[in-house]
Amino acid sequence: MVVAKEGDVVKLIHYGDSSMGHNYSEEARKNFKARHGKNIAKGKLSAAYWADKRLWAGPSGSKKEPPKSQKLKFGK
């Protein structure tokens, strides 16, 4: 979660799924951005923006491993 501020608006934002890993592969990141592009574009007050920035950022993002059920699908 993160506290985001845009202008006078302050909002506590919960993002991501605690039971899932992130940064699976370049293909998975590309698919995430394709699915959530409109929400990412909404800016700092959207959960998709923070998930993109922190969880799906590639090598600089979260290093959390995917659950066993996802490892076969994404090859990690």
PDB file of N, CA and C in Angstrom:
ATOM      1  N   MET A   1       0.843  -1.175   0.000  1.00  0.00           N
ATOM      2  CA  MET A   1       0.000   0.000   0.000  1.00  0.00           C
ATOM      3  C   MET A   1       0.886   1.235   0.000  1.00  0.00           C
ATOM      4  N   VAL A   2       0.316   2.329  -0.410  1.00  0.00           N
ATOM      5  CA  VAL A   2       1.052   3.583  -0.496  1.00  0.00           C
ATOM      6  C   VAL A   2       0.074   4.731  -0.231  1.00  0.00           C
ATOM      7  N   VAL A   3       0.576   5.809   0.354  1.00  0.00           N
ATOM      8  CA  VAL A   3      -0.225   7.024   0.513  1.00  0.00           C
ATOM      9  C   VAL A   3       0.182   7.946  -0.626  1.00  0.00           C
ATOM     10  N   ALA A   4      -0.771   8.283  -1.472  1.00  0.00           N
ATOM     11  CA  ALA A   4      -0.494   9.117  -2.641  1.00  0.00           C
ATOM     12  C   ALA A   4      -1.183  10.460  -2.493  1.00  0.00           C
ATOM     13  N   LYS A   5      -0.517  11.486  -3.000  1.00  0.00           N
ATOM     14  CA  LYS A   5      -1.091  12.829  -2.946  1.00  0.00           C
ATOM     15  C   LYS A   5      -0.988  13.455  -4.325  1.00  0.00           C
ATOM     16  N   GLU A   6      -2.110  13.998  -4.781  1.00  0.00           N
ATOM     17  CA  GLU A   6      -2.146  14.714  -6.043  1.00  0.00           C
ATOM     18  C   GLU A   6      -2.963  15.973  -5.800  1.00  0.00           C
ATOM     19  N   GLY A   7      -2.287  17.103  -5.798  1.00  0.00           N
ATOM     20  CA  GLY A   7      -2.960  18.356  -5.438  1.00  0.00           C
ATOM     21  C   GLY A   7      -3.357  18.313  -3.979  1.00  0.00           C
ATOM     22  N   ASP A   8      -4.630  18.566  -3.685  1.00  0.00           N
ATOM     23  CA  ASP A   8      -5.129  18.520  -2.311  1.00  0.00           C
ATOM     24  C   ASP A   8      -5.695  17.153  -1.940  1.00  0.00           C
ATOM     25  N   VAL A   9      -5.713  16.233  -2.869  1.00  0.00           N
ATOM     26  CA  VAL A   9      -6.294  14.916  -2.632  1.00  0.00           C
ATOM     27  C   VAL A   9      -5.224  13.967  -2.099  1.00  0.00           C
ATOM     28  N   VAL A  10      -5.492  13.367  -0.942  1.00  0.00           N
ATOM     29  CA  VAL A  10      -4.609  12.366  -0.348  1.00  0.00           C
ATOM     30  C   VAL A  10      -5.401  11.072  -0.253  1.00  0.00           C
ATOM     31  N   LYS A  11      -4.785   9.962  -0.686  1.00  0.00           N
ATOM     32  CA  LYS A  11      -5.516   8.713  -0.749  1.00  0.00           C
ATOM     33  C   LYS A  11      -4.595   7.547  -0.372  1.00  0.00           C
ATOM     34  N   LEU A  12      -5.104   6.626   0.426  1.00  0.00           N
ATOM     35  CA  LEU A  12      -4.390   5.394   0.748  1.00  0.00           C
ATOM     36  C   LEU A  12      -4.757   4.378  -0.323  1.00  0.00           C
ATOM     37  N   ILE A  13      -3.746   3.861  -1.017  1.00  0.00           N
ATOM     38  CA  ILE A  13      -3.996   2.962  -2.137  1.00  0.00           C
ATOM     39  C   ILE A  13      -3.390   1.593  -1.849  1.00  0.00           C
ATOM     40  N   HIS A  14      -4.226   0.575  -1.951  1.00  0.00           N
ATOM     41  CA  HIS A  14      -3.784  -0.817  -1.832  1.00  0.00           C
ATOM     42  C   HIS A  14      -3.650  -1.352  -3.252  1.00  0.00           C
ATOM     43  N   TYR A  15      -2.553  -2.017  -3.539  1.00  0.00           N
ATOM     44  CA  TYR A  15      -2.360  -2.551  -4.886  1.00  0.00           C
ATOM     45  C   TYR A  15      -1.634  -3.885  -4.822  1.00  0.00           C
ATOM     46  N   GLY A  16      -1.754  -4.663  -5.887  1.00  0.00           N
ATOM     47  CA  GLY A  16      -1.101  -5.963  -5.960  1.00  0.00           C
ATOM     48  C   GLY A  16      -1.893  -7.027  -5.228  1.00  0.00           C
ATOM     49  N   ASP A  17      -1.468  -8.250  -5.398  1.00  0.00           N
ATOM     50  CA  ASP A  17      -2.094  -9.395  -4.759  1.00  0.00           C
ATOM     51  C   ASP A  17      -1.031 -10.060  -3.914  1.00  0.00           C
ATOM     52  N   SER A  18      -1.231 -10.118  -2.620  1.00  0.00           N
ATOM     53  CA  SER A  18      -0.205 -10.642  -1.721  1.00  0.00           C
ATOM     54  C   SER A  18       0.103 -12.112  -1.969  1.00  0.00           C
ATOM     55  N   SER A  19      -0.772 -12.827  -2.656  1.00  0.00           N
ATOM     56  CA  SER A  19      -0.520 -14.238  -2.918  1.00  0.00           C
ATOM     57  C   SER A  19       0.153 -14.473  -4.273  1.00  0.00           C
ATOM     58  N   MET A  20       0.416 -13.409  -5.004  1.00  0.00           N
ATOM     59  CA  MET A  20       1.022 -13.553  -6.328  1.00  0.00           C
ATOM     60  C   MET A  20       2.413 -12.932  -6.357  1.00  0.00           C
ATOM     61  N   GLY A  21       3.241 -13.443  -7.233  1.00  0.00           N
ATOM     62  CA  GLY A  21       4.554 -12.849  -7.474  1.00  0.00           C
ATOM     63  C   GLY A  21       4.437 -11.846  -8.613  1.00  0.00           C
ATOM     64  N   HIS A  22       5.516 -11.191  -8.930  1.00  0.00           N
ATOM     65  CA  HIS A  22       5.495 -10.182  -9.986  1.00  0.00           C
ATOM     66  C   HIS A  22       6.808 -10.259 -10.759  1.00  0.00           C
ATOM     67  N   ASN A  23       6.946  -9.468 -11.798  1.00  0.00           N
ATOM     68  CA  ASN A  23       8.140  -9.457 -12.632  1.00  0.00           C
ATOM     69  C   ASN A  23       8.423 -10.807 -13.254  1.00  0.00           C
ATOM     70  N   TYR A  24       7.403 -11.523 -13.653  1.00  0.00           N
ATOM     71  CA  TYR A  24       7.618 -12.863 -14.187  1.00  0.00           C
ATOM     72  C   TYR A  24       8.545 -12.860 -15.384  1.00  0.00           C
ATOM     73  N   SER A  25       8.213 -12.144 -16.393  1.00  0.00           N
ATOM     74  CA  SER A  25       8.994 -12.141 -17.623  1.00  0.00           C
ATOM     75  C   SER A  25       8.645 -10.875 -18.397  1.00  0.00           C
ATOM     76  N   GLU A  26       9.409 -10.616 -19.427  1.00  0.00           N
ATOM     77  CA  GLU A  26       9.142  -9.460 -20.273  1.00  0.00           C
ATOM     78  C   GLU A  26       7.743  -9.569 -20.895  1.00  0.00           C
ATOM     79  N   GLU A  27       7.365 -10.768 -21.296  1.00  0.00           N
ATOM     80  CA  GLU A  27       6.043 -10.979 -21.904  1.00  0.00           C
ATOM     81  C   GLU A  27       4.924 -10.700 -20.901  1.00  0.00           C
ATOM     82  N   ALA A  28       5.097 -11.162 -19.656  1.00  0.00           N
ATOM     83  CA  ALA A  28       4.074 -10.932 -18.629  1.00  0.00           C
ATOM     84  C   ALA A  28       3.945  -9.443 -18.321  1.00  0.00           C
ATOM     85  N   ARG A  29       5.080  -8.725 -18.258  1.00  0.00           N
ATOM     86  CA  ARG A  29       5.028  -7.279 -18.013  1.00  0.00           C
ATOM     87  C   ARG A  29       4.324  -6.565 -19.157  1.00  0.00           C
ATOM     88  N   LYS A  30       4.618  -6.980 -20.380  1.00  0.00           N
ATOM     89  CA  LYS A  30       3.979  -6.367 -21.545  1.00  0.00           C
ATOM     90  C   LYS A  30       2.464  -6.587 -21.503  1.00  0.00           C
ATOM     91  N   ASN A  31       2.037  -7.800 -21.149  1.00  0.00           N
ATOM     92  CA  ASN A  31       0.611  -8.105 -21.057  1.00  0.00           C
ATOM     93  C   ASN A  31      -0.064  -7.302 -19.952  1.00  0.00           C
ATOM     94  N   PHE A  32       0.600  -7.147 -18.809  1.00  0.00           N
ATOM     95  CA  PHE A  32       0.039  -6.344 -17.723  1.00  0.00           C
ATOM     96  C   PHE A  32      -0.192  -4.909 -18.187  1.00  0.00           C
ATOM     97  N   LYS A  33       0.817  -4.335 -18.831  1.00  0.00           N
ATOM     98  CA  LYS A  33       0.700  -2.950 -19.300  1.00  0.00           C
ATOM     99  C   LYS A  33      -0.396  -2.806 -20.353  1.00  0.00           C
ATOM    100  N   ALA A  34      -0.575  -3.827 -21.187  1.00  0.00           N
ATOM    101  CA  ALA A  34      -1.634  -3.783 -22.197  1.00  0.00           C
ATOM    102  C   ALA A  34      -3.017  -3.845 -21.544  1.00  0.00           C
ATOM    103  N   ARG A  35      -3.163  -4.694 -20.528  1.00  0.00           N
ATOM    104  CA  ARG A  35      -4.459  -4.833 -19.854  1.00  0.00           C
ATOM    105  C   ARG A  35      -4.826  -3.604 -19.031  1.00  0.00           C
ATOM    106  N   HIS A  36      -3.835  -2.976 -18.419  1.00  0.00           N
ATOM    107  CA  HIS A  36      -4.107  -1.909 -17.452  1.00  0.00           C
ATOM    108  C   HIS A  36      -3.651  -0.528 -17.913  1.00  0.00           C
ATOM    109  N   GLY A  37      -3.336  -0.374 -19.171  1.00  0.00           N
ATOM    110  CA  GLY A  37      -2.818   0.892 -19.684  1.00  0.00           C
ATOM    111  C   GLY A  37      -3.674   2.109 -19.362  1.00  0.00           C
ATOM    112  N   LYS A  38      -4.983   1.993 -19.528  1.00  0.00           N
ATOM    113  CA  LYS A  38      -5.870   3.134 -19.257  1.00  0.00           C
ATOM    114  C   LYS A  38      -5.847   3.511 -17.781  1.00  0.00           C
ATOM    115  N   ASN A  39      -5.812   2.509 -16.905  1.00  0.00           N
ATOM    116  CA  ASN A  39      -5.781   2.798 -15.470  1.00  0.00           C
ATOM    117  C   ASN A  39      -4.424   3.335 -15.039  1.00  0.00           C
ATOM    118  N   ILE A  40      -3.340   2.858 -15.625  1.00  0.00           N
ATOM    119  CA  ILE A  40      -2.000   3.371 -15.318  1.00  0.00           C
ATOM    120  C   ILE A  40      -1.937   4.851 -15.669  1.00  0.00           C
ATOM    121  N   ALA A  41      -2.553   5.212 -16.788  1.00  0.00           N
ATOM    122  CA  ALA A  41      -2.533   6.597 -17.258  1.00  0.00           C
ATOM    123  C   ALA A  41      -3.303   7.551 -16.343  1.00  0.00           C
ATOM    124  N   LYS A  42      -4.147   7.019 -15.457  1.00  0.00           N
ATOM    125  CA  LYS A  42      -4.908   7.881 -14.546  1.00  0.00           C
ATOM    126  C   LYS A  42      -4.013   8.580 -13.539  1.00  0.00           C
ATOM    127  N   GLY A  43      -2.814   8.068 -13.334  1.00  0.00           N
ATOM    128  CA  GLY A  43      -1.849   8.745 -12.474  1.00  0.00           C
ATOM    129  C   GLY A  43      -1.735   8.153 -11.084  1.00  0.00           C
ATOM    130  N   LYS A  44      -1.126   8.939 -10.207  1.00  0.00           N
ATOM    131  CA  LYS A  44      -0.756   8.488  -8.867  1.00  0.00           C
ATOM    132  C   LYS A  44      -1.893   7.991  -7.995  1.00  0.00           C
ATOM    133  N   LEU A  45      -3.106   8.362  -8.293  1.00  0.00           N
ATOM    134  CA  LEU A  45      -4.223   7.965  -7.449  1.00  0.00           C
ATOM    135  C   LEU A  45      -4.878   6.656  -7.897  1.00  0.00           C
ATOM    136  N   SER A  46      -4.231   5.931  -8.806  1.00  0.00           N
ATOM    137  CA  SER A  46      -4.771   4.636  -9.219  1.00  0.00           C
ATOM    138  C   SER A  46      -3.848   3.507  -8.764  1.00  0.00           C
ATOM    139  N   ALA A  47      -4.450   2.396  -8.403  1.00  0.00           N
ATOM    140  CA  ALA A  47      -3.678   1.230  -7.968  1.00  0.00           C
ATOM    141  C   ALA A  47      -2.817   0.699  -9.113  1.00  0.00           C
ATOM    142  N   ALA A  48      -3.324   0.755 -10.334  1.00  0.00           N
ATOM    143  CA  ALA A  48      -2.571   0.252 -11.484  1.00  0.00           C
ATOM    144  C   ALA A  48      -1.266   1.028 -11.677  1.00  0.00           C
ATOM    145  N   TYR A  49      -1.280   2.328 -11.423  1.00  0.00           N
ATOM    146  CA  TYR A  49      -0.075   3.149 -11.536  1.00  0.00           C
ATOM    147  C   TYR A  49       1.018   2.621 -10.613  1.00  0.00           C
ATOM    148  N   TRP A  50       0.657   2.345  -9.361  1.00  0.00           N
ATOM    149  CA  TRP A  50       1.640   1.878  -8.382  1.00  0.00           C
ATOM    150  C   TRP A  50       2.072   0.448  -8.642  1.00  0.00           C
ATOM    151  N   ALA A  51       1.156  -0.401  -9.092  1.00  0.00           N
ATOM    152  CA  ALA A  51       1.528  -1.775  -9.437  1.00  0.00           C
ATOM    153  C   ALA A  51       2.525  -1.759 -10.594  1.00  0.00           C
ATOM    154  N   ASP A  52       2.275  -0.910 -11.583  1.00  0.00           N
ATOM    155  CA  ASP A  52       3.184  -0.793 -12.721  1.00  0.00           C
ATOM    156  C   ASP A  52       4.546  -0.275 -12.274  1.00  0.00           C
ATOM    157  N   LYS A  53       4.543   0.703 -11.428  1.00  0.00           N
ATOM    158  CA  LYS A  53       5.787   1.338 -10.981  1.00  0.00           C
ATOM    159  C   LYS A  53       6.602   0.447 -10.053  1.00  0.00           C
ATOM    160  N   ARG A  54       5.957  -0.254  -9.139  1.00  0.00           N
ATOM    161  CA  ARG A  54       6.672  -1.017  -8.119  1.00  0.00           C
ATOM    162  C   ARG A  54       6.746  -2.515  -8.391  1.00  0.00           C
ATOM    163  N   LEU A  55       5.672  -3.112  -8.873  1.00  0.00           N
ATOM    164  CA  LEU A  55       5.625  -4.564  -8.992  1.00  0.00           C
ATOM    165  C   LEU A  55       5.997  -5.077 -10.376  1.00  0.00           C
ATOM    166  N   TRP A  56       5.673  -4.320 -11.401  1.00  0.00           N
ATOM    167  CA  TRP A  56       5.910  -4.778 -12.763  1.00  0.00           C
ATOM    168  C   TRP A  56       6.977  -3.950 -13.468  1.00  0.00           C
ATOM    169  N   ALA A  57       7.878  -3.359 -12.721  1.00  0.00           N
ATOM    170  CA  ALA A  57       8.875  -2.452 -13.270  1.00  0.00           C
ATOM    171  C   ALA A  57      10.059  -3.141 -13.938  1.00  0.00           C
ATOM    172  N   GLY A  58      10.088  -4.457 -13.937  1.00  0.00           N
ATOM    173  CA  GLY A  58      11.216  -5.160 -14.535  1.00  0.00           C
ATOM    174  C   GLY A  58      12.319  -5.367 -13.517  1.00  0.00           C
ATOM    175  N   PRO A  59      13.570  -5.385 -13.945  1.00  0.00           N
ATOM    176  CA  PRO A  59      14.685  -5.675 -13.040  1.00  0.00           C
ATOM    177  C   PRO A  59      14.763  -4.753 -11.818  1.00  0.00           C
ATOM    178  N   SER A  60      14.273  -3.525 -11.949  1.00  0.00           N
ATOM    179  CA  SER A  60      14.357  -2.592 -10.815  1.00  0.00           C
ATOM    180  C   SER A  60      13.164  -2.712  -9.865  1.00  0.00           C
ATOM    181  N   GLY A  61      12.161  -3.513 -10.228  1.00  0.00           N
ATOM    182  CA  GLY A  61      10.966  -3.647  -9.400  1.00  0.00           C
ATOM    183  C   GLY A  61      11.104  -4.705  -8.324  1.00  0.00           C
ATOM    184  N   SER A  62       9.976  -5.139  -7.807  1.00  0.00           N
ATOM    185  CA  SER A  62       9.920  -6.144  -6.752  1.00  0.00           C
ATOM    186  C   SER A  62      10.578  -7.439  -7.205  1.00  0.00           C
ATOM    187  N   LYS A  63      11.226  -8.131  -6.266  1.00  0.00           N
ATOM    188  CA  LYS A  63      11.869  -9.405  -6.583  1.00  0.00           C
ATOM    189  C   LYS A  63      11.050 -10.586  -6.065  1.00  0.00           C
ATOM    190  N   LYS A  64       9.814 -10.334  -5.677  1.00  0.00           N
ATOM    191  CA  LYS A  64       8.963 -11.381  -5.139  1.00  0.00           C
ATOM    192  C   LYS A  64       8.731 -12.463  -6.194  1.00  0.00           C
ATOM    193  N   GLU A  65       8.920 -13.714  -5.817  1.00  0.00           N
ATOM    194  CA  GLU A  65       8.749 -14.838  -6.733  1.00  0.00           C
ATOM    195  C   GLU A  65       7.270 -15.186  -6.903  1.00  0.00           C
ATOM    196  N   PRO A  66       6.889 -15.688  -8.079  1.00  0.00           N
ATOM    197  CA  PRO A  66       5.503 -16.112  -8.282  1.00  0.00           C
ATOM    198  C   PRO A  66       5.224 -17.391  -7.506  1.00  0.00           C
ATOM    199  N   PRO A  67       3.957 -17.653  -7.205  1.00  0.00           N
ATOM    200  CA  PRO A  67       3.608 -18.907  -6.533  1.00  0.00           C
ATOM    201  C   PRO A  67       3.870 -20.087  -7.455  1.00  0.00           C
ATOM    202  N   LYS A  68       3.955 -21.291  -6.893  1.00  0.00           N
ATOM    203  CA  LYS A  68       4.265 -22.489  -7.680  1.00  0.00           C
ATOM    204  C   LYS A  68       3.326 -22.661  -8.862  1.00  0.00           C
ATOM    205  N   SER A  69       2.056 -22.333  -8.688  1.00  0.00           N
ATOM    206  CA  SER A  69       1.084 -22.508  -9.769  1.00  0.00           C
ATOM    207  C   SER A  69       1.393 -21.621 -10.968  1.00  0.00           C
ATOM    208  N   GLN A  70       2.074 -20.513 -10.762  1.00  0.00           N
ATOM    209  CA  GLN A  70       2.401 -19.593 -11.847  1.00  0.00           C
ATOM    210  C   GLN A  70       3.788 -19.848 -12.427  1.00  0.00           C
ATOM    211  N   LYS A  71       4.650 -20.538 -11.702  1.00  0.00           N
ATOM    212  CA  LYS A  71       6.013 -20.758 -12.182  1.00  0.00           C
ATOM    213  C   LYS A  71       6.035 -21.524 -13.496  1.00  0.00           C
ATOM    214  N   LEU A  72       5.160 -22.505 -13.641  1.00  0.00           N
ATOM    215  CA  LEU A  72       5.124 -23.272 -14.877  1.00  0.00           C
ATOM    216  C   LEU A  72       4.655 -22.408 -16.047  1.00  0.00           C
ATOM    217  N   LYS A  73       3.692 -21.548 -15.765  1.00  0.00           N
ATOM    218  CA  LYS A  73       3.123 -20.708 -16.827  1.00  0.00           C
ATOM    219  C   LYS A  73       4.135 -19.682 -17.326  1.00  0.00           C
ATOM    220  N   PHE A  74       4.893 -19.072 -16.410  1.00  0.00           N
ATOM    221  CA  PHE A  74       5.790 -17.989 -16.793  1.00  0.00           C
ATOM    222  C   PHE A  74       7.266 -18.378 -16.756  1.00  0.00           C
ATOM    223  N   GLY A  75       7.568 -19.628 -16.462  1.00  0.00           N
ATOM    224  CA  GLY A  75       8.930 -20.122 -16.597  1.00  0.00           C
ATOM    225  C   GLY A  75       9.950 -19.656 -15.589  1.00  0.00           C
ATOM    226  N   LYS A  76       9.543 -19.205 -14.422  1.00  0.00           N
ATOM    227  CA  LYS A  76      10.514 -18.767 -13.417  1.00  0.00           C
ATOM    228  C   LYS A  76      10.566 -19.716 -12.282  1.00  0.00           C
TER     229      LYS A  76
END
